[in-house]
Amino acid sequence: MTGHNPGDSGWFRHGDPHDAESAATAIRERTAEQPQNWPAEAVRAGFVENENEYYDTLYHATVHATRAAVQARETATERQLQYSIAAMDDAERTANEIAERVAEWAGSLADGRADGDRASDLPGGIDGARAVAAWTPETPAEERVVSLAERAADLDAERAELRSFVESQAPAVAPNLAEMAGPVLAARLLSLAGGLESLAKKPAGTVQVLGAEDALFAHLRGRGPSPKHGAIFTHEHVRGTHPENRGSAARALAGKLAIAARIDHYAGDFRQSVHDDLADRMAVIRAREVGE
């Protein structure tokens, strides 16, 4: 213990008091065997000139460390949302494709079944696949089509589970965005933008056409009209508005979504005012339809 300086274990031993990243790393990783008069030790070590400077430096370092930790957690959860929404889309697309194949195949078999099922009686889509999955196979061909129908039904069930996961996680990452867009559309916008930070930095006009990149590029090449909306078309404010006013509705929604994303990323708290503002704006737009 002879010659040991208790200040050697201080977080400020990282060196430069103006290097917030190094200070934050030291605060997270360094430990001390027992408490010390750290402000005095920092002055004695020449890290700062006085205790006030020590506390200022400590404040900035801890804020930097906290922001880094929050961003790391935010990014990790966002990544799970992006994977989930992509998997949900894949499951839905594949389930529908298989269901179409099942309908075609089962239709060629149904009229000859002993239980009386007829091709014209089979519902379409996933419901049709579920109906075929309930068959008791009577031939090797029916065994295969029933098995295929079961795969479609299983994929649709997985899609529903993935949707539930997205709906439970999106509000934790972006509370205002999830409330305004709905959890699934919020997760889709985050995925299209590459994360909440990226979405928060995008102008409203870009948010408006996220998901319509092909149409936008075609317009820029002079091969089509400018798209009025992308993924946000699925929102009731856009889809449920008369086509003549849909552009105004899309602009209003995109503008508030951009603000919601910025609040979520830079502040992280829920703000009712931005939702009220959108409701007021949509009421004005919808009032035009009544007048028409």
C-alpha atoms as a PDB file:
ATOM      1  CA  MET A   1       0.000   0.000   0.000  1.00  0.00           C
ATOM      2  CA  THR A   2       3.009   2.286   0.430  1.00  0.00           C
ATOM      3  CA  GLY A   3       3.114   5.058  -2.109  1.00  0.00           C
ATOM      4  CA  HIS A   4      -0.418   4.346  -3.361  1.00  0.00           C
ATOM      5  CA  ASN A   5      -2.269   7.466  -4.452  1.00  0.00           C
ATOM      6  CA  PRO A   6      -6.057   7.035  -4.034  1.00  0.00           C
ATOM      7  CA  GLY A   7      -6.567   9.482  -6.865  1.00  0.00           C
ATOM      8  CA  ASP A   8      -5.017   6.982  -9.297  1.00  0.00           C
ATOM      9  CA  SER A   9      -8.365   5.187  -9.510  1.00  0.00           C
ATOM     10  CA  GLY A  10     -10.321   8.351 -10.259  1.00  0.00           C
ATOM     11  CA  TRP A  11     -12.292   8.490 -13.481  1.00  0.00           C
ATOM     12  CA  PHE A  12     -10.488  11.699 -14.377  1.00  0.00           C
ATOM     13  CA  ARG A  13      -7.202   9.843 -14.800  1.00  0.00           C
ATOM     14  CA  HIS A  14      -8.158   9.276 -18.450  1.00  0.00           C
ATOM     15  CA  GLY A  15      -6.305  12.450 -19.355  1.00  0.00           C
ATOM     16  CA  ASP A  16      -7.856  15.319 -21.299  1.00  0.00           C
ATOM     17  CA  PRO A  17     -10.760  16.992 -19.432  1.00  0.00           C
ATOM     18  CA  HIS A  18     -12.146  18.180 -22.783  1.00  0.00           C
ATOM     19  CA  ASP A  19     -12.425  14.653 -24.211  1.00  0.00           C
ATOM     20  CA  ALA A  20     -16.019  13.767 -23.290  1.00  0.00           C
ATOM     21  CA  GLU A  21     -15.879  10.340 -24.936  1.00  0.00           C
ATOM     22  CA  SER A  22     -12.833   9.226 -22.943  1.00  0.00           C
ATOM     23  CA  ALA A  23     -14.332  10.637 -19.758  1.00  0.00           C
ATOM     24  CA  ALA A  24     -17.613   8.819 -20.382  1.00  0.00           C
ATOM     25  CA  THR A  25     -15.752   5.559 -20.975  1.00  0.00           C
ATOM     26  CA  ALA A  26     -13.811   6.028 -17.734  1.00  0.00           C
ATOM     27  CA  ILE A  27     -17.017   6.720 -15.782  1.00  0.00           C
ATOM     28  CA  ARG A  28     -18.595   3.526 -17.139  1.00  0.00           C
ATOM     29  CA  GLU A  29     -15.587   1.245 -16.697  1.00  0.00           C
ATOM     30  CA  ARG A  30     -13.336   2.449 -13.864  1.00  0.00           C
ATOM     31  CA  THR A  31     -13.856   1.460 -10.234  1.00  0.00           C
ATOM     32  CA  ALA A  32     -12.434   2.482  -6.848  1.00  0.00           C
ATOM     33  CA  GLU A  33     -11.986   0.428  -3.691  1.00  0.00           C
ATOM     34  CA  GLN A  34     -13.463   3.156  -1.514  1.00  0.00           C
ATOM     35  CA  PRO A  35     -14.889   6.689  -1.789  1.00  0.00           C
ATOM     36  CA  GLN A  36     -12.481   9.593  -2.000  1.00  0.00           C
ATOM     37  CA  ASN A  37     -12.623  13.356  -2.156  1.00  0.00           C
ATOM     38  CA  TRP A  38     -12.632  13.158  -5.938  1.00  0.00           C
ATOM     39  CA  PRO A  39     -12.891  16.905  -6.650  1.00  0.00           C
ATOM     40  CA  ALA A  40      -9.802  17.590  -4.548  1.00  0.00           C
ATOM     41  CA  GLU A  41      -7.986  14.618  -6.089  1.00  0.00           C
ATOM     42  CA  ALA A  42      -8.797  15.899  -9.586  1.00  0.00           C
ATOM     43  CA  VAL A  43      -7.361  19.339  -8.736  1.00  0.00           C
ATOM     44  CA  ARG A  44      -4.283  17.744  -7.140  1.00  0.00           C
ATOM     45  CA  ALA A  45      -3.762  15.600 -10.253  1.00  0.00           C
ATOM     46  CA  GLY A  46      -3.882  18.694 -12.474  1.00  0.00           C
ATOM     47  CA  PHE A  47      -6.981  17.449 -14.281  1.00  0.00           C
ATOM     48  CA  VAL A  48      -8.875  20.669 -13.494  1.00  0.00           C
ATOM     49  CA  GLU A  49      -7.993  23.973 -11.900  1.00  0.00           C
ATOM     50  CA  ASN A  50     -10.741  24.009  -9.280  1.00  0.00           C
ATOM     51  CA  GLU A  51     -13.719  22.065  -7.984  1.00  0.00           C
ATOM     52  CA  ASN A  52     -16.262  24.037 -10.023  1.00  0.00           C
ATOM     53  CA  GLU A  53     -14.485  22.997 -13.205  1.00  0.00           C
ATOM     54  CA  TYR A  54     -14.451  19.412 -11.918  1.00  0.00           C
ATOM     55  CA  TYR A  55     -18.233  19.366 -11.494  1.00  0.00           C
ATOM     56  CA  ASP A  56     -18.769  20.972 -14.912  1.00  0.00           C
ATOM     57  CA  THR A  57     -16.559  18.343 -16.527  1.00  0.00           C
ATOM     58  CA  LEU A  58     -18.260  15.540 -14.601  1.00  0.00           C
ATOM     59  CA  TYR A  59     -21.684  16.813 -15.682  1.00  0.00           C
ATOM     60  CA  HIS A  60     -20.799  16.848 -19.371  1.00  0.00           C
ATOM     61  CA  ALA A  61     -19.127  13.431 -19.147  1.00  0.00           C
ATOM     62  CA  THR A  62     -22.094  11.798 -17.418  1.00  0.00           C
ATOM     63  CA  VAL A  63     -24.571  13.333 -19.870  1.00  0.00           C
ATOM     64  CA  HIS A  64     -22.442  12.031 -22.732  1.00  0.00           C
ATOM     65  CA  ALA A  65     -22.307   8.569 -21.163  1.00  0.00           C
ATOM     66  CA  THR A  66     -26.067   8.531 -20.569  1.00  0.00           C
ATOM     67  CA  ARG A  67     -26.858   9.593 -24.117  1.00  0.00           C
ATOM     68  CA  ALA A  68     -24.563   6.908 -25.482  1.00  0.00           C
ATOM     69  CA  ALA A  69     -26.238   4.264 -23.330  1.00  0.00           C
ATOM     70  CA  VAL A  70     -29.729   5.384 -24.329  1.00  0.00           C
ATOM     71  CA  GLN A  71     -28.764   5.436 -28.001  1.00  0.00           C
ATOM     72  CA  ALA A  72     -27.313   1.928 -27.736  1.00  0.00           C
ATOM     73  CA  ARG A  73     -30.528   0.590 -26.194  1.00  0.00           C
ATOM     74  CA  GLU A  74     -32.638   2.525 -28.710  1.00  0.00           C
ATOM     75  CA  THR A  75     -30.653   1.175 -31.627  1.00  0.00           C
ATOM     76  CA  ALA A  76     -30.869  -2.403 -30.356  1.00  0.00           C
ATOM     77  CA  THR A  77     -34.659  -2.237 -30.008  1.00  0.00           C
ATOM     78  CA  GLU A  78     -35.044  -0.488 -33.359  1.00  0.00           C
ATOM     79  CA  ARG A  79     -33.082  -3.278 -34.990  1.00  0.00           C
ATOM     80  CA  GLN A  80     -35.485  -5.851 -33.570  1.00  0.00           C
ATOM     81  CA  LEU A  81     -38.403  -3.828 -34.922  1.00  0.00           C
ATOM     82  CA  GLN A  82     -36.821  -3.658 -38.359  1.00  0.00           C
ATOM     83  CA  TYR A  83     -36.234  -7.403 -38.431  1.00  0.00           C
ATOM     84  CA  SER A  84     -39.752  -8.057 -37.153  1.00  0.00           C
ATOM     85  CA  ILE A  85     -41.561  -5.857 -39.667  1.00  0.00           C
ATOM     86  CA  ALA A  86     -39.511  -7.375 -42.517  1.00  0.00           C
ATOM     87  CA  ALA A  87     -40.253 -10.897 -41.269  1.00  0.00           C
ATOM     88  CA  MET A  88     -43.943 -10.030 -40.910  1.00  0.00           C
ATOM     89  CA  ASP A  89     -44.068  -8.849 -44.522  1.00  0.00           C
ATOM     90  CA  ASP A  90     -42.205 -11.953 -45.695  1.00  0.00           C
ATOM     91  CA  ALA A  91     -44.556 -14.256 -43.792  1.00  0.00           C
ATOM     92  CA  GLU A  92     -47.627 -12.498 -45.188  1.00  0.00           C
ATOM     93  CA  ARG A  93     -46.372 -12.499 -48.763  1.00  0.00           C
ATOM     94  CA  THR A  94     -45.285 -16.134 -48.660  1.00  0.00           C
ATOM     95  CA  ALA A  95     -48.477 -17.279 -46.932  1.00  0.00           C
ATOM     96  CA  ASN A  96     -50.583 -15.585 -49.613  1.00  0.00           C
ATOM     97  CA  GLU A  97     -48.509 -17.068 -52.427  1.00  0.00           C
ATOM     98  CA  ILE A  98     -48.825 -20.558 -50.973  1.00  0.00           C
ATOM     99  CA  ALA A  99     -52.552 -20.029 -50.388  1.00  0.00           C
ATOM    100  CA  GLU A 100     -52.985 -19.180 -54.069  1.00  0.00           C
ATOM    101  CA  ARG A 101     -51.191 -22.372 -55.034  1.00  0.00           C
ATOM    102  CA  VAL A 102     -53.337 -24.345 -52.591  1.00  0.00           C
ATOM    103  CA  ALA A 103     -56.542 -22.873 -54.049  1.00  0.00           C
ATOM    104  CA  GLU A 104     -55.496 -23.824 -57.567  1.00  0.00           C
ATOM    105  CA  TRP A 105     -54.387 -27.322 -56.590  1.00  0.00           C
ATOM    106  CA  ALA A 106     -57.244 -28.064 -54.200  1.00  0.00           C
ATOM    107  CA  GLY A 107     -59.734 -26.799 -56.743  1.00  0.00           C
ATOM    108  CA  SER A 108     -58.692 -29.585 -59.069  1.00  0.00           C
ATOM    109  CA  LEU A 109     -59.294 -32.151 -56.333  1.00  0.00           C
ATOM    110  CA  ALA A 110     -62.299 -30.879 -54.415  1.00  0.00           C
ATOM    111  CA  ASP A 111     -65.078 -31.863 -56.836  1.00  0.00           C
ATOM    112  CA  GLY A 112     -64.143 -35.514 -56.570  1.00  0.00           C
ATOM    113  CA  ARG A 113     -63.950 -35.718 -52.786  1.00  0.00           C
ATOM    114  CA  ALA A 114     -66.260 -38.099 -50.969  1.00  0.00           C
ATOM    115  CA  ASP A 115     -67.164 -35.511 -48.327  1.00  0.00           C
ATOM    116  CA  GLY A 116     -68.887 -33.350 -50.920  1.00  0.00           C
ATOM    117  CA  ASP A 117     -66.500 -30.349 -50.835  1.00  0.00           C
ATOM    118  CA  ARG A 118     -66.613 -28.572 -54.158  1.00  0.00           C
ATOM    119  CA  ALA A 119     -64.095 -26.168 -55.688  1.00  0.00           C
ATOM    120  CA  SER A 120     -66.734 -23.443 -55.891  1.00  0.00           C
ATOM    121  CA  ASP A 121     -67.346 -23.732 -52.142  1.00  0.00           C
ATOM    122  CA  LEU A 122     -63.740 -23.076 -51.113  1.00  0.00           C
ATOM    123  CA  PRO A 123     -63.117 -19.533 -49.817  1.00  0.00           C
ATOM    124  CA  GLY A 124     -60.199 -17.616 -51.221  1.00  0.00           C
ATOM    125  CA  GLY A 125     -56.869 -16.692 -49.693  1.00  0.00           C
ATOM    126  CA  ILE A 126     -55.725 -17.840 -46.268  1.00  0.00           C
ATOM    127  CA  ASP A 127     -59.267 -18.820 -45.278  1.00  0.00           C
ATOM    128  CA  GLY A 128     -59.310 -21.234 -48.196  1.00  0.00           C
ATOM    129  CA  ALA A 129     -55.967 -22.669 -47.117  1.00  0.00           C
ATOM    130  CA  ARG A 130     -57.327 -23.223 -43.616  1.00  0.00           C
ATOM    131  CA  ALA A 131     -60.363 -24.988 -45.041  1.00  0.00           C
ATOM    132  CA  VAL A 132     -58.142 -27.314 -47.074  1.00  0.00           C
ATOM    133  CA  ALA A 133     -55.872 -27.882 -44.068  1.00  0.00           C
ATOM    134  CA  ALA A 134     -58.922 -29.329 -42.276  1.00  0.00           C
ATOM    135  CA  TRP A 135     -59.452 -31.983 -44.954  1.00  0.00           C
ATOM    136  CA  THR A 136     -58.861 -35.631 -44.183  1.00  0.00           C
ATOM    137  CA  PRO A 137     -56.640 -36.670 -47.103  1.00  0.00           C
ATOM    138  CA  GLU A 138     -58.055 -39.468 -49.261  1.00  0.00           C
ATOM    139  CA  THR A 139     -55.276 -39.689 -51.858  1.00  0.00           C
ATOM    140  CA  PRO A 140     -51.517 -39.055 -51.983  1.00  0.00           C
ATOM    141  CA  ALA A 141     -52.185 -35.821 -53.910  1.00  0.00           C
ATOM    142  CA  GLU A 142     -54.550 -34.616 -51.208  1.00  0.00           C
ATOM    143  CA  GLU A 143     -51.936 -35.394 -48.543  1.00  0.00           C
ATOM    144  CA  ARG A 144     -49.578 -33.020 -50.279  1.00  0.00           C
ATOM    145  CA  VAL A 145     -52.087 -30.208 -50.800  1.00  0.00           C
ATOM    146  CA  VAL A 146     -53.275 -30.497 -47.180  1.00  0.00           C
ATOM    147  CA  SER A 147     -49.677 -30.312 -45.984  1.00  0.00           C
ATOM    148  CA  LEU A 148     -49.089 -27.240 -48.146  1.00  0.00           C
ATOM    149  CA  ALA A 149     -52.276 -25.653 -46.813  1.00  0.00           C
ATOM    150  CA  GLU A 150     -51.059 -26.225 -43.250  1.00  0.00           C
ATOM    151  CA  ARG A 151     -47.825 -24.389 -44.073  1.00  0.00           C
ATOM    152  CA  ALA A 152     -49.796 -21.397 -45.333  1.00  0.00           C
ATOM    153  CA  ALA A 153     -51.936 -21.369 -42.183  1.00  0.00           C
ATOM    154  CA  ASP A 154     -48.850 -21.654 -39.961  1.00  0.00           C
ATOM    155  CA  LEU A 155     -47.151 -18.761 -41.748  1.00  0.00           C
ATOM    156  CA  ASP A 156     -50.258 -16.622 -41.332  1.00  0.00           C
ATOM    157  CA  ALA A 157     -50.280 -17.430 -37.608  1.00  0.00           C
ATOM    158  CA  GLU A 158     -46.613 -16.419 -37.425  1.00  0.00           C
ATOM    159  CA  ARG A 159     -47.443 -13.165 -39.204  1.00  0.00           C
ATOM    160  CA  ALA A 160     -50.037 -12.428 -36.537  1.00  0.00           C
ATOM    161  CA  GLU A 161     -47.524 -13.146 -33.757  1.00  0.00           C
ATOM    162  CA  LEU A 162     -44.950 -10.877 -35.381  1.00  0.00           C
ATOM    163  CA  ARG A 163     -47.539  -8.122 -35.675  1.00  0.00           C
ATOM    164  CA  SER A 164     -48.340  -8.443 -31.969  1.00  0.00           C
ATOM    165  CA  PHE A 165     -44.626  -8.168 -31.172  1.00  0.00           C
ATOM    166  CA  VAL A 166     -44.291  -5.018 -33.294  1.00  0.00           C
ATOM    167  CA  GLU A 167     -47.366  -3.499 -31.662  1.00  0.00           C
ATOM    168  CA  SER A 168     -45.911  -4.119 -28.197  1.00  0.00           C
ATOM    169  CA  GLN A 169     -42.417  -2.799 -28.947  1.00  0.00           C
ATOM    170  CA  ALA A 170     -42.918   0.217 -31.210  1.00  0.00           C
ATOM    171  CA  PRO A 171     -44.399   2.494 -28.489  1.00  0.00           C
ATOM    172  CA  ALA A 172     -41.328   1.939 -26.317  1.00  0.00           C
ATOM    173  CA  VAL A 173     -38.997   3.092 -29.089  1.00  0.00           C
ATOM    174  CA  ALA A 174     -41.076   5.943 -30.503  1.00  0.00           C
ATOM    175  CA  PRO A 175     -44.131   6.765 -28.358  1.00  0.00           C
ATOM    176  CA  ASN A 176     -45.350   9.751 -30.378  1.00  0.00           C
ATOM    177  CA  LEU A 177     -44.709   8.137 -33.743  1.00  0.00           C
ATOM    178  CA  ALA A 178     -46.425   4.895 -32.685  1.00  0.00           C
ATOM    179  CA  GLU A 179     -49.443   6.798 -31.351  1.00  0.00           C
ATOM    180  CA  MET A 180     -49.762   8.955 -34.453  1.00  0.00           C
ATOM    181  CA  ALA A 181     -49.010   6.396 -37.159  1.00  0.00           C
ATOM    182  CA  GLY A 182     -50.018   3.238 -35.351  1.00  0.00           C
ATOM    183  CA  PRO A 183     -47.314   0.783 -34.197  1.00  0.00           C
ATOM    184  CA  VAL A 184     -47.039  -1.154 -37.472  1.00  0.00           C
ATOM    185  CA  LEU A 185     -46.743   1.893 -39.737  1.00  0.00           C
ATOM    186  CA  ALA A 186     -44.354   3.492 -37.230  1.00  0.00           C
ATOM    187  CA  ALA A 187     -42.111   0.419 -37.353  1.00  0.00           C
ATOM    188  CA  ARG A 188     -42.314   0.404 -41.150  1.00  0.00           C
ATOM    189  CA  LEU A 189     -41.255   4.064 -41.349  1.00  0.00           C
ATOM    190  CA  LEU A 190     -38.352   3.402 -38.970  1.00  0.00           C
ATOM    191  CA  SER A 191     -37.275   0.480 -41.141  1.00  0.00           C
ATOM    192  CA  LEU A 192     -37.563   2.450 -44.381  1.00  0.00           C
ATOM    193  CA  ALA A 193     -35.619   5.372 -42.913  1.00  0.00           C
ATOM    194  CA  GLY A 194     -32.925   3.221 -41.320  1.00  0.00           C
ATOM    195  CA  GLY A 195     -33.780   3.995 -37.699  1.00  0.00           C
ATOM    196  CA  LEU A 196     -35.311   6.674 -35.512  1.00  0.00           C
ATOM    197  CA  GLU A 197     -32.320   9.010 -35.672  1.00  0.00           C
ATOM    198  CA  SER A 198     -32.317   8.908 -39.451  1.00  0.00           C
ATOM    199  CA  LEU A 199     -36.087   9.416 -39.608  1.00  0.00           C
ATOM    200  CA  ALA A 200     -35.866  12.361 -37.192  1.00  0.00           C
ATOM    201  CA  LYS A 201     -33.416  14.090 -39.524  1.00  0.00           C
ATOM    202  CA  LYS A 202     -35.547  13.730 -42.639  1.00  0.00           C
ATOM    203  CA  PRO A 203     -37.744  16.589 -43.914  1.00  0.00           C
ATOM    204  CA  ALA A 204     -41.495  16.092 -44.016  1.00  0.00           C
ATOM    205  CA  GLY A 205     -41.460  15.784 -47.808  1.00  0.00           C
ATOM    206  CA  THR A 206     -39.160  12.771 -47.591  1.00  0.00           C
ATOM    207  CA  VAL A 207     -41.254  11.147 -44.854  1.00  0.00           C
ATOM    208  CA  GLN A 208     -44.299  11.607 -47.091  1.00  0.00           C
ATOM    209  CA  VAL A 209     -42.889   9.450 -49.906  1.00  0.00           C
ATOM    210  CA  LEU A 210     -40.957   6.838 -47.900  1.00  0.00           C
ATOM    211  CA  GLY A 211     -41.787   3.517 -49.485  1.00  0.00           C
ATOM    212  CA  ALA A 212     -42.532   5.057 -52.875  1.00  0.00           C
ATOM    213  CA  GLU A 213     -38.940   5.259 -54.039  1.00  0.00           C
ATOM    214  CA  ASP A 214     -39.569   3.435 -57.325  1.00  0.00           C
ATOM    215  CA  ALA A 215     -42.353   5.843 -58.267  1.00  0.00           C
ATOM    216  CA  LEU A 216     -40.217   8.809 -57.195  1.00  0.00           C
ATOM    217  CA  PHE A 217     -37.256   7.713 -59.313  1.00  0.00           C
ATOM    218  CA  ALA A 218     -39.564   7.130 -62.269  1.00  0.00           C
ATOM    219  CA  HIS A 219     -40.899  10.671 -61.839  1.00  0.00           C
ATOM    220  CA  LEU A 220     -37.390  12.109 -61.674  1.00  0.00           C
ATOM    221  CA  ARG A 221     -36.613  10.350 -64.954  1.00  0.00           C
ATOM    222  CA  GLY A 222     -39.730  11.835 -66.499  1.00  0.00           C
ATOM    223  CA  ARG A 223     -41.552   8.511 -66.668  1.00  0.00           C
ATOM    224  CA  GLY A 224     -44.410   9.165 -64.273  1.00  0.00           C
ATOM    225  CA  PRO A 225     -46.191  11.637 -61.999  1.00  0.00           C
ATOM    226  CA  SER A 226     -44.757  12.718 -58.667  1.00  0.00           C
ATOM    227  CA  PRO A 227     -45.973  10.342 -55.930  1.00  0.00           C
ATOM    228  CA  LYS A 228     -48.190  11.978 -53.291  1.00  0.00           C
ATOM    229  CA  HIS A 229     -47.513   9.374 -50.642  1.00  0.00           C
ATOM    230  CA  GLY A 230     -45.656   6.180 -49.878  1.00  0.00           C
ATOM    231  CA  ALA A 231     -46.155   3.887 -46.893  1.00  0.00           C
ATOM    232  CA  ILE A 232     -48.315   6.477 -45.128  1.00  0.00           C
ATOM    233  CA  PHE A 233     -51.124   5.720 -47.593  1.00  0.00           C
ATOM    234  CA  THR A 234     -52.163   2.902 -45.229  1.00  0.00           C
ATOM    235  CA  HIS A 235     -53.004   5.489 -42.560  1.00  0.00           C
ATOM    236  CA  GLU A 236     -56.704   6.309 -42.247  1.00  0.00           C
ATOM    237  CA  HIS A 237     -55.995  10.034 -42.563  1.00  0.00           C
ATOM    238  CA  VAL A 238     -54.712   9.436 -46.097  1.00  0.00           C
ATOM    239  CA  ARG A 239     -56.555   6.333 -47.291  1.00  0.00           C
ATOM    240  CA  GLY A 240     -59.862   7.544 -45.859  1.00  0.00           C
ATOM    241  CA  THR A 241     -59.692  11.014 -47.390  1.00  0.00           C
ATOM    242  CA  HIS A 242     -61.296  11.881 -50.732  1.00  0.00           C
ATOM    243  CA  PRO A 243     -58.738  11.559 -53.561  1.00  0.00           C
ATOM    244  CA  GLU A 244     -58.944  15.281 -54.330  1.00  0.00           C
ATOM    245  CA  ASN A 245     -57.812  16.107 -50.781  1.00  0.00           C
ATOM    246  CA  ARG A 246     -55.495  13.146 -50.298  1.00  0.00           C
ATOM    247  CA  GLY A 247     -52.377  15.134 -51.168  1.00  0.00           C
ATOM    248  CA  SER A 248     -53.160  17.724 -48.496  1.00  0.00           C
ATOM    249  CA  ALA A 249     -53.865  14.974 -45.987  1.00  0.00           C
ATOM    250  CA  ALA A 250     -50.587  13.226 -46.820  1.00  0.00           C
ATOM    251  CA  ARG A 251     -48.614  16.464 -46.405  1.00  0.00           C
ATOM    252  CA  ALA A 252     -50.302  17.235 -43.090  1.00  0.00           C
ATOM    253  CA  LEU A 253     -49.696  13.737 -41.748  1.00  0.00           C
ATOM    254  CA  ALA A 254     -46.091  13.601 -42.966  1.00  0.00           C
ATOM    255  CA  GLY A 255     -45.335  16.960 -41.374  1.00  0.00           C
ATOM    256  CA  LYS A 256     -46.604  15.853 -37.979  1.00  0.00           C
ATOM    257  CA  LEU A 257     -44.937  12.440 -38.279  1.00  0.00           C
ATOM    258  CA  ALA A 258     -41.617  14.192 -38.884  1.00  0.00           C
ATOM    259  CA  ILE A 259     -42.161  16.291 -35.754  1.00  0.00           C
ATOM    260  CA  ALA A 260     -43.200  13.218 -33.750  1.00  0.00           C
ATOM    261  CA  ALA A 261     -40.017  11.405 -34.790  1.00  0.00           C
ATOM    262  CA  ARG A 262     -37.884  14.370 -33.708  1.00  0.00           C
ATOM    263  CA  ILE A 263     -39.603  14.536 -30.330  1.00  0.00           C
ATOM    264  CA  ASP A 264     -39.119  10.800 -29.830  1.00  0.00           C
ATOM    265  CA  HIS A 265     -35.443  10.896 -30.753  1.00  0.00           C
ATOM    266  CA  TYR A 266     -34.320  14.135 -29.134  1.00  0.00           C
ATOM    267  CA  ALA A 267     -36.655  14.278 -26.103  1.00  0.00           C
ATOM    268  CA  GLY A 268     -38.269  10.872 -25.703  1.00  0.00           C
ATOM    269  CA  ASP A 269     -41.415  12.098 -23.944  1.00  0.00           C
ATOM    270  CA  PHE A 270     -45.025  11.891 -25.094  1.00  0.00           C
ATOM    271  CA  ARG A 271     -46.536  15.214 -26.173  1.00  0.00           C
ATOM    272  CA  GLN A 272     -50.271  15.379 -26.686  1.00  0.00           C
ATOM    273  CA  SER A 273     -50.075  18.777 -28.374  1.00  0.00           C
ATOM    274  CA  VAL A 274     -48.610  17.413 -31.626  1.00  0.00           C
ATOM    275  CA  HIS A 275     -51.451  14.882 -31.870  1.00  0.00           C
ATOM    276  CA  ASP A 276     -54.031  17.566 -31.188  1.00  0.00           C
ATOM    277  CA  ASP A 277     -52.489  19.733 -33.908  1.00  0.00           C
ATOM    278  CA  LEU A 278     -52.809  16.913 -36.422  1.00  0.00           C
ATOM    279  CA  ALA A 279     -56.429  16.281 -35.433  1.00  0.00           C
ATOM    280  CA  ASP A 280     -57.229  19.969 -35.947  1.00  0.00           C
ATOM    281  CA  ARG A 281     -55.531  20.036 -39.337  1.00  0.00           C
ATOM    282  CA  MET A 282     -57.325  16.892 -40.495  1.00  0.00           C
ATOM    283  CA  ALA A 283     -60.654  18.323 -39.350  1.00  0.00           C
ATOM    284  CA  VAL A 284     -60.074  21.307 -41.635  1.00  0.00           C
ATOM    285  CA  ILE A 285     -59.193  19.052 -44.581  1.00  0.00           C
ATOM    286  CA  ARG A 286     -62.167  16.758 -44.022  1.00  0.00           C
ATOM    287  CA  ALA A 287     -64.459  19.782 -43.739  1.00  0.00           C
ATOM    288  CA  ARG A 288     -63.755  20.504 -47.413  1.00  0.00           C
ATOM    289  CA  GLU A 289     -65.393  17.207 -48.325  1.00  0.00           C
ATOM    290  CA  VAL A 290     -68.560  18.200 -46.481  1.00  0.00           C
ATOM    291  CA  GLY A 291     -68.604  21.511 -48.351  1.00  0.00           C
ATOM    292  CA  GLU A 292     -68.160  19.727 -51.644  1.00  0.00           C
END
